[in-house]
Amino acid sequence: MSEKRYSDMTTYELQQEIGSLQEKARKAEQLGMVNEYAVLERKVTMARSYLLDPETFKAGEVYEIQGDPGSYFKIDYMNGVFAWGFRLGSPQNEEALPISMLKK
């Protein structure tokens, strides 16, 4: 059976997936598996993005970056659950962030 894409999951399935990933991340952290922990945390971030409405994120607006206090991101455009733009302070470096990393 192939894994279901986050975009094809229901809200309930996404919440179950996030819980499962968080549990695996906790175990990886306890075992000192730094790389595995980082991968699982990124998966949680991605899954959480699919629980949000991309329509609520607007081009031209500035959002704080979750987990990086004092860092802000200005959106140029949206593509699915990704906000494309740049961090304030480094406008020459365009990047895409999952919307779950952004907060008003």
PDB file of N, CA and C in Angstrom:
ATOM      1  N   MET A   1       0.846  -1.192   0.000  1.00  0.00           N
ATOM      2  CA  MET A   1       0.000   0.000   0.000  1.00  0.00           C
ATOM      3  C   MET A   1       0.885   1.246   0.000  1.00  0.00           C
ATOM      4  N   SER A   2       0.623   2.147  -0.903  1.00  0.00           N
ATOM      5  CA  SER A   2       1.420   3.369  -0.952  1.00  0.00           C
ATOM      6  C   SER A   2       0.901   4.348   0.096  1.00  0.00           C
ATOM      7  N   GLU A   3       1.809   5.177   0.602  1.00  0.00           N
ATOM      8  CA  GLU A   3       1.411   6.157   1.606  1.00  0.00           C
ATOM      9  C   GLU A   3       0.534   7.225   0.978  1.00  0.00           C
ATOM     10  N   LYS A   4      -0.438   7.667   1.743  1.00  0.00           N
ATOM     11  CA  LYS A   4      -1.335   8.720   1.290  1.00  0.00           C
ATOM     12  C   LYS A   4      -0.635  10.064   1.397  1.00  0.00           C
ATOM     13  N   ARG A   5      -0.824  10.906   0.399  1.00  0.00           N
ATOM     14  CA  ARG A   5      -0.242  12.253   0.451  1.00  0.00           C
ATOM     15  C   ARG A   5      -1.029  13.090   1.446  1.00  0.00           C
ATOM     16  N   TYR A   6      -0.323  14.040   2.100  1.00  0.00           N
ATOM     17  CA  TYR A   6      -0.999  14.905   3.069  1.00  0.00           C
ATOM     18  C   TYR A   6      -2.165  15.634   2.410  1.00  0.00           C
ATOM     19  N   SER A   7      -2.002  16.016   1.157  1.00  0.00           N
ATOM     20  CA  SER A   7      -3.058  16.765   0.461  1.00  0.00           C
ATOM     21  C   SER A   7      -4.317  15.921   0.246  1.00  0.00           C
ATOM     22  N   ASP A   8      -4.183  14.585   0.348  1.00  0.00           N
ATOM     23  CA  ASP A   8      -5.332  13.696   0.164  1.00  0.00           C
ATOM     24  C   ASP A   8      -5.952  13.248   1.482  1.00  0.00           C
ATOM     25  N   MET A   9      -5.366  13.655   2.595  1.00  0.00           N
ATOM     26  CA  MET A   9      -5.853  13.218   3.909  1.00  0.00           C
ATOM     27  C   MET A   9      -6.959  14.124   4.434  1.00  0.00           C
ATOM     28  N   THR A  10      -7.833  13.517   5.241  1.00  0.00           N
ATOM     29  CA  THR A  10      -8.864  14.292   5.932  1.00  0.00           C
ATOM     30  C   THR A  10      -8.219  14.976   7.139  1.00  0.00           C
ATOM     31  N   THR A  11      -8.941  15.906   7.744  1.00  0.00           N
ATOM     32  CA  THR A  11      -8.449  16.581   8.941  1.00  0.00           C
ATOM     33  C   THR A  11      -8.109  15.559  10.018  1.00  0.00           C
ATOM     34  N   TYR A  12      -8.995  14.592  10.207  1.00  0.00           N
ATOM     35  CA  TYR A  12      -8.771  13.554  11.221  1.00  0.00           C
ATOM     36  C   TYR A  12      -7.496  12.761  10.919  1.00  0.00           C
ATOM     37  N   GLU A  13      -7.323  12.360   9.660  1.00  0.00           N
ATOM     38  CA  GLU A  13      -6.127  11.596   9.277  1.00  0.00           C
ATOM     39  C   GLU A  13      -4.852  12.412   9.496  1.00  0.00           C
ATOM     40  N   LEU A  14      -4.920  13.703   9.169  1.00  0.00           N
ATOM     41  CA  LEU A  14      -3.759  14.575   9.386  1.00  0.00           C
ATOM     42  C   LEU A  14      -3.430  14.666  10.874  1.00  0.00           C
ATOM     43  N   GLN A  15      -4.455  14.812  11.713  1.00  0.00           N
ATOM     44  CA  GLN A  15      -4.229  14.901  13.159  1.00  0.00           C
ATOM     45  C   GLN A  15      -3.620  13.604  13.688  1.00  0.00           C
ATOM     46  N   GLN A  16      -4.092  12.456  13.188  1.00  0.00           N
ATOM     47  CA  GLN A  16      -3.538  11.156  13.582  1.00  0.00           C
ATOM     48  C   GLN A  16      -2.074  11.057  13.142  1.00  0.00           C
ATOM     49  N   GLU A  17      -1.791  11.476  11.913  1.00  0.00           N
ATOM     50  CA  GLU A  17      -0.436  11.444  11.362  1.00  0.00           C
ATOM     51  C   GLU A  17       0.502  12.332  12.185  1.00  0.00           C
ATOM     52  N   ILE A  18       0.043  13.532  12.532  1.00  0.00           N
ATOM     53  CA  ILE A  18       0.855  14.456  13.330  1.00  0.00           C
ATOM     54  C   ILE A  18       1.172  13.831  14.689  1.00  0.00           C
ATOM     55  N   GLY A  19       0.181  13.233  15.321  1.00  0.00           N
ATOM     56  CA  GLY A  19       0.395  12.574  16.615  1.00  0.00           C
ATOM     57  C   GLY A  19       1.418  11.454  16.516  1.00  0.00           C
ATOM     58  N   SER A  20       1.297  10.655  15.475  1.00  0.00           N
ATOM     59  CA  SER A  20       2.227   9.548  15.245  1.00  0.00           C
ATOM     60  C   SER A  20       3.645  10.063  14.997  1.00  0.00           C
ATOM     61  N   LEU A  21       3.770  11.088  14.167  1.00  0.00           N
ATOM     62  CA  LEU A  21       5.082  11.667  13.866  1.00  0.00           C
ATOM     63  C   LEU A  21       5.713  12.284  15.123  1.00  0.00           C
ATOM     64  N   GLN A  22       4.894  12.951  15.934  1.00  0.00           N
ATOM     65  CA  GLN A  22       5.407  13.572  17.163  1.00  0.00           C
ATOM     66  C   GLN A  22       5.926  12.502  18.124  1.00  0.00           C
ATOM     67  N   GLU A  23       5.227  11.376  18.204  1.00  0.00           N
ATOM     68  CA  GLU A  23       5.657  10.277  19.069  1.00  0.00           C
ATOM     69  C   GLU A  23       6.984   9.695  18.572  1.00  0.00           C
ATOM     70  N   LYS A  24       7.097   9.500  17.259  1.00  0.00           N
ATOM     71  CA  LYS A  24       8.357   9.001  16.680  1.00  0.00           C
ATOM     72  C   LYS A  24       9.484  10.002  16.911  1.00  0.00           C
ATOM     73  N   ALA A  25       9.178  11.303  16.797  1.00  0.00           N
ATOM     74  CA  ALA A  25      10.193  12.338  17.007  1.00  0.00           C
ATOM     75  C   ALA A  25      10.666  12.329  18.463  1.00  0.00           C
ATOM     76  N   ARG A  26       9.730  12.149  19.398  1.00  0.00           N
ATOM     77  CA  ARG A  26      10.089  12.083  20.825  1.00  0.00           C
ATOM     78  C   ARG A  26      11.070  10.929  21.064  1.00  0.00           C
ATOM     79  N   LYS A  27      10.743   9.769  20.480  1.00  0.00           N
ATOM     80  CA  LYS A  27      11.612   8.592  20.658  1.00  0.00           C
ATOM     81  C   LYS A  27      12.981   8.834  20.028  1.00  0.00           C
ATOM     82  N   ALA A  28      13.009   9.424  18.842  1.00  0.00           N
ATOM     83  CA  ALA A  28      14.276   9.701  18.162  1.00  0.00           C
ATOM     84  C   ALA A  28      15.122  10.662  19.000  1.00  0.00           C
ATOM     85  N   GLU A  29      14.454  11.665  19.588  1.00  0.00           N
ATOM     86  CA  GLU A  29      15.173  12.640  20.416  1.00  0.00           C
ATOM     87  C   GLU A  29      15.758  11.955  21.653  1.00  0.00           C
ATOM     88  N   GLN A  30      14.974  11.087  22.279  1.00  0.00           N
ATOM     89  CA  GLN A  30      15.438  10.376  23.469  1.00  0.00           C
ATOM     90  C   GLN A  30      16.634   9.472  23.155  1.00  0.00           C
ATOM     91  N   LEU A  31      16.629   8.918  21.935  1.00  0.00           N
ATOM     92  CA  LEU A  31      17.714   8.019  21.528  1.00  0.00           C
ATOM     93  C   LEU A  31      18.899   8.777  20.935  1.00  0.00           C
ATOM     94  N   GLY A  32      18.794  10.116  20.904  1.00  0.00           N
ATOM     95  CA  GLY A  32      19.891  10.916  20.380  1.00  0.00           C
ATOM     96  C   GLY A  32      20.038  10.856  18.868  1.00  0.00           C
ATOM     97  N   MET A  33      18.965  10.486  18.171  1.00  0.00           N
ATOM     98  CA  MET A  33      18.991  10.388  16.705  1.00  0.00           C
ATOM     99  C   MET A  33      18.622  11.756  16.125  1.00  0.00           C
ATOM    100  N   VAL A  34      19.606  12.649  16.085  1.00  0.00           N
ATOM    101  CA  VAL A  34      19.387  14.047  15.731  1.00  0.00           C
ATOM    102  C   VAL A  34      18.816  14.208  14.315  1.00  0.00           C
ATOM    103  N   ASN A  35      19.390  13.507  13.346  1.00  0.00           N
ATOM    104  CA  ASN A  35      18.922  13.634  11.966  1.00  0.00           C
ATOM    105  C   ASN A  35      17.497  13.118  11.802  1.00  0.00           C
ATOM    106  N   GLU A  36      17.201  11.980  12.403  1.00  0.00           N
ATOM    107  CA  GLU A  36      15.860  11.402  12.342  1.00  0.00           C
ATOM    108  C   GLU A  36      14.846  12.347  12.986  1.00  0.00           C
ATOM    109  N   TYR A  37      15.230  12.925  14.126  1.00  0.00           N
ATOM    110  CA  TYR A  37      14.367  13.877  14.822  1.00  0.00           C
ATOM    111  C   TYR A  37      14.053  15.070  13.912  1.00  0.00           C
ATOM    112  N   ALA A  38      15.073  15.611  13.259  1.00  0.00           N
ATOM    113  CA  ALA A  38      14.892  16.778  12.385  1.00  0.00           C
ATOM    114  C   ALA A  38      13.957  16.457  11.221  1.00  0.00           C
ATOM    115  N   VAL A  39      14.111  15.288  10.633  1.00  0.00           N
ATOM    116  CA  VAL A  39      13.249  14.870   9.512  1.00  0.00           C
ATOM    117  C   VAL A  39      11.802  14.758   9.980  1.00  0.00           C
ATOM    118  N   LEU A  40      11.588  14.139  11.124  1.00  0.00           N
ATOM    119  CA  LEU A  40      10.231  13.967  11.651  1.00  0.00           C
ATOM    120  C   LEU A  40       9.595  15.304  12.002  1.00  0.00           C
ATOM    121  N   GLU A  41      10.368  16.224  12.561  1.00  0.00           N
ATOM    122  CA  GLU A  41       9.845  17.552  12.875  1.00  0.00           C
ATOM    123  C   GLU A  41       9.409  18.288  11.601  1.00  0.00           C
ATOM    124  N   ARG A  42      10.196  18.138  10.531  1.00  0.00           N
ATOM    125  CA  ARG A  42       9.821  18.766   9.249  1.00  0.00           C
ATOM    126  C   ARG A  42       8.527  18.165   8.705  1.00  0.00           C
ATOM    127  N   LYS A  43       8.366  16.850   8.879  1.00  0.00           N
ATOM    128  CA  LYS A  43       7.131  16.204   8.424  1.00  0.00           C
ATOM    129  C   LYS A  43       5.927  16.727   9.200  1.00  0.00           C
ATOM    130  N   VAL A  44       6.097  16.938  10.508  1.00  0.00           N
ATOM    131  CA  VAL A  44       5.021  17.497  11.343  1.00  0.00           C
ATOM    132  C   VAL A  44       4.656  18.885  10.829  1.00  0.00           C
ATOM    133  N   THR A  45       5.673  19.697  10.551  1.00  0.00           N
ATOM    134  CA  THR A  45       5.450  21.051  10.037  1.00  0.00           C
ATOM    135  C   THR A  45       4.665  21.001   8.737  1.00  0.00           C
ATOM    136  N   MET A  46       5.039  20.095   7.844  1.00  0.00           N
ATOM    137  CA  MET A  46       4.331  19.971   6.559  1.00  0.00           C
ATOM    138  C   MET A  46       2.883  19.527   6.774  1.00  0.00           C
ATOM    139  N   ALA A  47       2.686  18.513   7.596  1.00  0.00           N
ATOM    140  CA  ALA A  47       1.332  17.999   7.833  1.00  0.00           C
ATOM    141  C   ALA A  47       0.445  19.094   8.430  1.00  0.00           C
ATOM    142  N   ARG A  48       1.008  19.882   9.353  1.00  0.00           N
ATOM    143  CA  ARG A  48       0.229  20.970   9.972  1.00  0.00           C
ATOM    144  C   ARG A  48      -0.197  22.007   8.930  1.00  0.00           C
ATOM    145  N   SER A  49       0.621  22.203   7.907  1.00  0.00           N
ATOM    146  CA  SER A  49       0.286  23.176   6.862  1.00  0.00           C
ATOM    147  C   SER A  49      -1.015  22.810   6.162  1.00  0.00           C
ATOM    148  N   TYR A  50      -1.287  21.513   6.035  1.00  0.00           N
ATOM    149  CA  TYR A  50      -2.500  21.067   5.353  1.00  0.00           C
ATOM    150  C   TYR A  50      -3.744  21.213   6.230  1.00  0.00           C
ATOM    151  N   LEU A  51      -3.562  21.561   7.510  1.00  0.00           N
ATOM    152  CA  LEU A  51      -4.707  21.839   8.378  1.00  0.00           C
ATOM    153  C   LEU A  51      -5.099  23.310   8.323  1.00  0.00           C
ATOM    154  N   LEU A  52      -4.271  24.120   7.652  1.00  0.00           N
ATOM    155  CA  LEU A  52      -4.522  25.562   7.566  1.00  0.00           C
ATOM    156  C   LEU A  52      -5.085  25.929   6.203  1.00  0.00           C
ATOM    157  N   ASP A  53      -5.729  27.075   6.136  1.00  0.00           N
ATOM    158  CA  ASP A  53      -6.294  27.575   4.881  1.00  0.00           C
ATOM    159  C   ASP A  53      -5.297  28.532   4.231  1.00  0.00           C
ATOM    160  N   PRO A  54      -4.704  28.134   3.089  1.00  0.00           N
ATOM    161  CA  PRO A  54      -3.728  29.010   2.418  1.00  0.00           C
ATOM    162  C   PRO A  54      -4.305  30.374   2.050  1.00  0.00           C
ATOM    163  N   GLU A  55      -5.629  30.459   1.913  1.00  0.00           N
ATOM    164  CA  GLU A  55      -6.284  31.726   1.556  1.00  0.00           C
ATOM    165  C   GLU A  55      -6.101  32.793   2.632  1.00  0.00           C
ATOM    166  N   THR A  56      -5.790  32.371   3.856  1.00  0.00           N
ATOM    167  CA  THR A  56      -5.630  33.337   4.948  1.00  0.00           C
ATOM    168  C   THR A  56      -4.240  33.973   4.953  1.00  0.00           C
ATOM    169  N   PHE A  57      -3.365  33.498   4.096  1.00  0.00           N
ATOM    170  CA  PHE A  57      -2.018  34.058   3.986  1.00  0.00           C
ATOM    171  C   PHE A  57      -1.947  34.892   2.711  1.00  0.00           C
ATOM    172  N   LYS A  58      -1.549  36.154   2.847  1.00  0.00           N
ATOM    173  CA  LYS A  58      -1.635  37.095   1.732  1.00  0.00           C
ATOM    174  C   LYS A  58      -0.276  37.613   1.280  1.00  0.00           C
ATOM    175  N   ALA A  59      -0.112  37.725  -0.034  1.00  0.00           N
ATOM    176  CA  ALA A  59       1.096  38.323  -0.609  1.00  0.00           C
ATOM    177  C   ALA A  59       1.239  39.751  -0.114  1.00  0.00           C
ATOM    178  N   GLY A  60       2.460  40.146   0.170  1.00  0.00           N
ATOM    179  CA  GLY A  60       2.731  41.496   0.646  1.00  0.00           C
ATOM    180  C   GLY A  60       2.696  41.629   2.159  1.00  0.00           C
ATOM    181  N   GLU A  61       2.117  40.639   2.838  1.00  0.00           N
ATOM    182  CA  GLU A  61       2.037  40.710   4.294  1.00  0.00           C
ATOM    183  C   GLU A  61       3.282  40.095   4.927  1.00  0.00           C
ATOM    184  N   VAL A  62       3.552  40.512   6.159  1.00  0.00           N
ATOM    185  CA  VAL A  62       4.722  40.036   6.890  1.00  0.00           C
ATOM    186  C   VAL A  62       4.260  39.178   8.071  1.00  0.00           C
ATOM    187  N   TYR A  63       4.922  38.036   8.253  1.00  0.00           N
ATOM    188  CA  TYR A  63       4.576  37.095   9.312  1.00  0.00           C
ATOM    189  C   TYR A  63       5.820  36.762  10.119  1.00  0.00           C
ATOM    190  N   GLU A  64       5.626  36.504  11.411  1.00  0.00           N
ATOM    191  CA  GLU A  64       6.743  36.030  12.227  1.00  0.00           C
ATOM    192  C   GLU A  64       6.975  34.552  11.891  1.00  0.00           C
ATOM    193  N   ILE A  65       8.221  34.129  11.945  1.00  0.00           N
ATOM    194  CA  ILE A  65       8.546  32.726  11.662  1.00  0.00           C
ATOM    195  C   ILE A  65       8.518  31.959  12.986  1.00  0.00           C
ATOM    196  N   GLN A  66       7.644  30.937  13.049  1.00  0.00           N
ATOM    197  CA  GLN A  66       7.518  30.096  14.250  1.00  0.00           C
ATOM    198  C   GLN A  66       8.875  29.482  14.579  1.00  0.00           C
ATOM    199  N   GLY A  67       9.226  29.441  15.842  1.00  0.00           N
ATOM    200  CA  GLY A  67      10.460  28.800  16.263  1.00  0.00           C
ATOM    201  C   GLY A  67      11.706  29.632  16.006  1.00  0.00           C
ATOM    202  N   ASP A  68      11.520  30.845  15.485  1.00  0.00           N
ATOM    203  CA  ASP A  68      12.649  31.728  15.201  1.00  0.00           C
ATOM    204  C   ASP A  68      12.259  33.148  15.617  1.00  0.00           C
ATOM    205  N   PRO A  69      12.133  33.373  16.941  1.00  0.00           N
ATOM    206  CA  PRO A  69      11.657  34.665  17.443  1.00  0.00           C
ATOM    207  C   PRO A  69      12.466  35.832  16.886  1.00  0.00           C
ATOM    208  N   GLY A  70      11.755  36.860  16.485  1.00  0.00           N
ATOM    209  CA  GLY A  70      12.419  38.043  15.947  1.00  0.00           C
ATOM    210  C   GLY A  70      12.717  37.957  14.463  1.00  0.00           C
ATOM    211  N   SER A  71      12.414  36.811  13.838  1.00  0.00           N
ATOM    212  CA  SER A  71      12.611  36.667  12.392  1.00  0.00           C
ATOM    213  C   SER A  71      11.263  36.788  11.693  1.00  0.00           C
ATOM    214  N   TYR A  72      11.259  37.574  10.627  1.00  0.00           N
ATOM    215  CA  TYR A  72      10.010  37.831   9.917  1.00  0.00           C
ATOM    216  C   TYR A  72      10.157  37.489   8.442  1.00  0.00           C
ATOM    217  N   PHE A  73       9.027  37.097   7.836  1.00  0.00           N
ATOM    218  CA  PHE A  73       8.997  36.639   6.456  1.00  0.00           C
ATOM    219  C   PHE A  73       7.935  37.417   5.696  1.00  0.00           C
ATOM    220  N   LYS A  74       8.314  37.981   4.560  1.00  0.00           N
ATOM    221  CA  LYS A  74       7.359  38.709   3.716  1.00  0.00           C
ATOM    222  C   LYS A  74       6.984  37.826   2.528  1.00  0.00           C
ATOM    223  N   ILE A  75       5.691  37.618   2.348  1.00  0.00           N
ATOM    224  CA  ILE A  75       5.209  36.748   1.275  1.00  0.00           C
ATOM    225  C   ILE A  75       5.139  37.518  -0.044  1.00  0.00           C
ATOM    226  N   ASP A  76       5.750  36.943  -1.079  1.00  0.00           N
ATOM    227  CA  ASP A  76       5.616  37.473  -2.445  1.00  0.00           C
ATOM    228  C   ASP A  76       4.419  36.825  -3.135  1.00  0.00           C
ATOM    229  N   TYR A  77       4.316  35.498  -2.998  1.00  0.00           N
ATOM    230  CA  TYR A  77       3.181  34.786  -3.584  1.00  0.00           C
ATOM    231  C   TYR A  77       3.003  33.438  -2.902  1.00  0.00           C
ATOM    232  N   MET A  78       1.823  32.866  -3.090  1.00  0.00           N
ATOM    233  CA  MET A  78       1.479  31.573  -2.501  1.00  0.00           C
ATOM    234  C   MET A  78       1.470  30.503  -3.593  1.00  0.00           C
ATOM    235  N   ASN A  79       1.879  29.296  -3.224  1.00  0.00           N
ATOM    236  CA  ASN A  79       1.785  28.145  -4.117  1.00  0.00           C
ATOM    237  C   ASN A  79       1.392  26.963  -3.244  1.00  0.00           C
ATOM    238  N   GLY A  80       0.101  26.629  -3.238  1.00  0.00           N
ATOM    239  CA  GLY A  80      -0.389  25.554  -2.371  1.00  0.00           C
ATOM    240  C   GLY A  80      -0.230  25.951  -0.913  1.00  0.00           C
ATOM    241  N   VAL A  81       0.444  25.070  -0.135  1.00  0.00           N
ATOM    242  CA  VAL A  81       0.650  25.361   1.278  1.00  0.00           C
ATOM    243  C   VAL A  81       2.019  26.006   1.530  1.00  0.00           C
ATOM    244  N   PHE A  82       2.644  26.489   0.454  1.00  0.00           N
ATOM    245  CA  PHE A  82       3.928  27.169   0.591  1.00  0.00           C
ATOM    246  C   PHE A  82       3.797  28.657   0.324  1.00  0.00           C
ATOM    247  N   ALA A  83       4.442  29.434   1.196  1.00  0.00           N
ATOM    248  CA  ALA A  83       4.535  30.880   1.003  1.00  0.00           C
ATOM    249  C   ALA A  83       5.925  31.150   0.445  1.00  0.00           C
ATOM    250  N   TRP A  84       5.974  31.780  -0.719  1.00  0.00           N
ATOM    251  CA  TRP A  84       7.249  32.150  -1.320  1.00  0.00           C
ATOM    252  C   TRP A  84       7.526  33.604  -1.016  1.00  0.00           C
ATOM    253  N   GLY A  85       8.759  33.902  -0.661  1.00  0.00           N
ATOM    254  CA  GLY A  85       9.133  35.269  -0.356  1.00  0.00           C
ATOM    255  C   GLY A  85      10.522  35.303   0.224  1.00  0.00           C
ATOM    256  N   PHE A  86      10.728  36.182   1.205  1.00  0.00           N
ATOM    257  CA  PHE A  86      12.060  36.320   1.791  1.00  0.00           C
ATOM    258  C   PHE A  86      11.969  36.752   3.246  1.00  0.00           C
ATOM    259  N   ARG A  87      13.019  36.435   3.981  1.00  0.00           N
ATOM    260  CA  ARG A  87      13.140  36.875   5.367  1.00  0.00           C
ATOM    261  C   ARG A  87      13.538  38.339   5.353  1.00  0.00           C
ATOM    262  N   LEU A  88      12.915  39.123   6.218  1.00  0.00           N
ATOM    263  CA  LEU A  88      13.308  40.529   6.318  1.00  0.00           C
ATOM    264  C   LEU A  88      14.766  40.541   6.767  1.00  0.00           C
ATOM    265  N   GLY A  89      15.564  41.347   6.113  1.00  0.00           N
ATOM    266  CA  GLY A  89      16.984  41.368   6.412  1.00  0.00           C
ATOM    267  C   GLY A  89      17.805  40.631   5.374  1.00  0.00           C
ATOM    268  N   SER A  90      17.150  39.777   4.570  1.00  0.00           N
ATOM    269  CA  SER A  90      17.871  39.110   3.465  1.00  0.00           C
ATOM    270  C   SER A  90      16.945  38.990   2.244  1.00  0.00           C
ATOM    271  N   PRO A  91      16.512  40.162   1.708  1.00  0.00           N
ATOM    272  CA  PRO A  91      15.555  40.162   0.604  1.00  0.00           C
ATOM    273  C   PRO A  91      16.100  39.557  -0.697  1.00  0.00           C
ATOM    274  N   GLN A  92      17.406  39.341  -0.777  1.00  0.00           N
ATOM    275  CA  GLN A  92      17.973  38.772  -1.997  1.00  0.00           C
ATOM    276  C   GLN A  92      17.820  37.243  -2.031  1.00  0.00           C
ATOM    277  N   ASN A  93      17.459  36.637  -0.903  1.00  0.00           N
ATOM    278  CA  ASN A  93      17.352  35.182  -0.822  1.00  0.00           C
ATOM    279  C   ASN A  93      15.900  34.732  -0.797  1.00  0.00           C
ATOM    280  N   GLU A  94      15.322  34.452  -1.978  1.00  0.00           N
ATOM    281  CA  GLU A  94      13.943  33.961  -2.023  1.00  0.00           C
ATOM    282  C   GLU A  94      13.905  32.535  -1.499  1.00  0.00           C
ATOM    283  N   GLU A  95      12.863  32.221  -0.737  1.00  0.00           N
ATOM    284  CA  GLU A  95      12.684  30.862  -0.249  1.00  0.00           C
ATOM    285  C   GLU A  95      11.200  30.578  -0.077  1.00  0.00           C
ATOM    286  N   ALA A  96      10.898  29.306   0.102  1.00  0.00           N
ATOM    287  CA  ALA A  96       9.517  28.895   0.333  1.00  0.00           C
ATOM    288  C   ALA A  96       9.420  28.298   1.731  1.00  0.00           C
ATOM    289  N   LEU A  97       8.415  28.737   2.488  1.00  0.00           N
ATOM    290  CA  LEU A  97       8.187  28.190   3.820  1.00  0.00           C
ATOM    291  C   LEU A  97       6.781  27.576   3.868  1.00  0.00           C
ATOM    292  N   PRO A  98       6.638  26.421   4.527  1.00  0.00           N
ATOM    293  CA  PRO A  98       5.289  25.881   4.741  1.00  0.00           C
ATOM    294  C   PRO A  98       4.509  26.872   5.611  1.00  0.00           C
ATOM    295  N   ILE A  99       3.237  27.070   5.297  1.00  0.00           N
ATOM    296  CA  ILE A  99       2.455  28.100   5.988  1.00  0.00           C
ATOM    297  C   ILE A  99       2.337  27.847   7.493  1.00  0.00           C
ATOM    298  N   SER A 100       2.521  26.605   7.945  1.00  0.00           N
ATOM    299  CA  SER A 100       2.426  26.345   9.385  1.00  0.00           C
ATOM    300  C   SER A 100       3.600  26.967  10.142  1.00  0.00           C
ATOM    301  N   MET A 101       4.629  27.435   9.431  1.00  0.00           N
ATOM    302  CA  MET A 101       5.768  28.099  10.078  1.00  0.00           C
ATOM    303  C   MET A 101       5.530  29.585  10.272  1.00  0.00           C
ATOM    304  N   LEU A 102       4.414  30.095   9.736  1.00  0.00           N
ATOM    305  CA  LEU A 102       4.166  31.537   9.776  1.00  0.00           C
ATOM    306  C   LEU A 102       3.063  31.874  10.766  1.00  0.00           C
ATOM    307  N   LYS A 103       3.258  32.983  11.494  1.00  0.00           N
ATOM    308  CA  LYS A 103       2.189  33.446  12.379  1.00  0.00           C
ATOM    309  C   LYS A 103       2.091  34.949  12.311  1.00  0.00           C
ATOM    310  N   LYS A 104       0.882  35.450  12.460  1.00  0.00           N
ATOM    311  CA  LYS A 104       0.601  36.892  12.382  1.00  0.00           C
ATOM    312  C   LYS A 104       1.319  37.628  13.483  1.00  0.00           C
TER     313      LYS A 104
END
